[in-house]
Amino acid sequence: MRLSAEASSRQLRRMGALGNLVANVAHDFNNLLMVVAANMELARRKNFNGLAREVLAVERATAGAEALARRLLSVARKQPSTRS
């Protein structure tokens, strides 16, 4: 029984660490996306000639990356907490 409890405890710690890692990556990734999104908005406001399709492509990719960051954070929240 003790061995089983120890194994469960180790598994919970690993899952908690994984959740923390995923949350940190998602947070950092989202920060980078905010920079990209803000600069794309500036480019759009400045009406860069001939770049409308490229700007739109980057904005679409940014939206997809933001969705990925939300999914990562969702996974991180589902991990058990190891805090006491």
Protein backbone atom coordinates (compact mmCIF):
# COMPACT_ATOMS: atom_id res chain seq x y z
CA MET A 1 0.00 0.00 0.00
CA ARG A 2 2.84 2.35 0.86
CA LEU A 3 4.51 1.73 -2.51
CA SER A 4 1.26 2.43 -4.30
CA ALA A 5 0.79 5.68 -2.39
CA GLU A 6 4.36 6.74 -3.17
CA ALA A 7 3.88 5.96 -6.85
CA SER A 8 0.64 7.95 -6.90
CA SER A 9 2.35 10.85 -5.19
CA ARG A 10 5.20 10.82 -7.74
CA GLN A 11 2.68 10.72 -10.58
CA LEU A 12 0.78 13.68 -9.14
CA ARG A 13 4.01 15.67 -8.80
CA ARG A 14 4.96 14.86 -12.40
CA MET A 15 1.52 15.86 -13.68
CA GLY A 16 1.65 19.07 -11.65
CA ALA A 17 5.08 19.89 -13.05
CA LEU A 18 3.82 19.20 -16.57
CA GLY A 19 0.84 21.47 -15.98
CA ASN A 20 3.12 24.24 -14.74
CA LEU A 21 5.41 23.83 -17.74
CA VAL A 22 2.50 23.94 -20.19
CA ALA A 23 1.07 27.02 -18.47
CA ASN A 24 4.43 28.83 -18.59
CA VAL A 25 4.96 27.98 -22.27
CA ALA A 26 1.44 29.09 -23.14
CA HIS A 27 1.88 32.35 -21.25
CA ASP A 28 5.21 33.15 -22.93
CA PHE A 29 3.82 32.14 -26.32
CA ASN A 30 0.82 34.39 -25.82
CA ASN A 31 3.09 37.32 -24.91
CA LEU A 32 4.97 36.87 -28.18
CA LEU A 33 1.70 36.69 -30.10
CA MET A 34 0.56 39.98 -28.60
CA VAL A 35 3.67 41.64 -30.03
CA VAL A 36 3.00 40.14 -33.47
CA ALA A 37 -0.68 41.09 -33.38
CA ALA A 38 0.05 44.66 -32.29
CA ASN A 39 2.63 45.16 -35.02
CA MET A 40 0.30 43.71 -37.64
CA GLU A 41 -2.37 46.18 -36.55
CA LEU A 42 0.14 49.01 -36.88
CA ALA A 43 1.07 47.80 -40.37
CA ARG A 44 -2.62 47.71 -41.34
CA ARG A 45 -3.19 51.23 -40.00
CA LYS A 46 -0.22 52.51 -41.99
CA ASN A 47 -1.77 51.02 -45.16
CA PHE A 48 1.37 49.32 -46.44
CA ASN A 49 0.75 49.11 -50.15
CA GLY A 50 0.65 45.65 -51.66
CA LEU A 51 0.92 43.86 -48.35
CA ALA A 52 -2.76 43.31 -47.57
CA ARG A 53 -2.64 39.57 -48.33
CA GLU A 54 0.53 39.07 -46.33
CA VAL A 55 -0.84 41.00 -43.36
CA LEU A 56 -4.05 38.97 -43.50
CA ALA A 57 -2.07 35.71 -43.61
CA VAL A 58 -0.06 36.70 -40.53
CA GLU A 59 -3.24 37.76 -38.72
CA ARG A 60 -4.85 34.39 -39.49
CA ALA A 61 -1.76 32.55 -38.25
CA THR A 62 -1.75 34.68 -35.12
CA ALA A 63 -5.40 33.83 -34.46
CA GLY A 64 -4.59 30.13 -34.82
CA ALA A 65 -1.63 30.47 -32.47
CA GLU A 66 -3.80 32.29 -29.93
CA ALA A 67 -6.26 29.39 -30.05
CA LEU A 68 -3.35 27.00 -29.44
CA ALA A 69 -2.25 29.03 -26.42
CA ARG A 70 -5.81 28.86 -25.03
CA ARG A 71 -5.83 25.07 -25.48
CA LEU A 72 -2.46 24.78 -23.74
CA LEU A 73 -3.75 26.82 -20.82
CA SER A 74 -6.86 24.66 -20.71
CA VAL A 75 -4.69 21.55 -20.42
CA ALA A 76 -2.57 23.19 -17.73
CA ARG A 77 -5.66 24.03 -15.65
CA LYS A 78 -6.78 20.40 -15.78
CA GLN A 79 -3.54 19.21 -14.16
CA PRO A 80 -3.69 18.46 -10.43
CA SER A 81 -2.18 21.10 -8.20
CA THR A 82 0.85 20.08 -6.12
CA ARG A 83 0.73 23.19 -3.92
CA SER A 84 0.07 22.68 -0.23
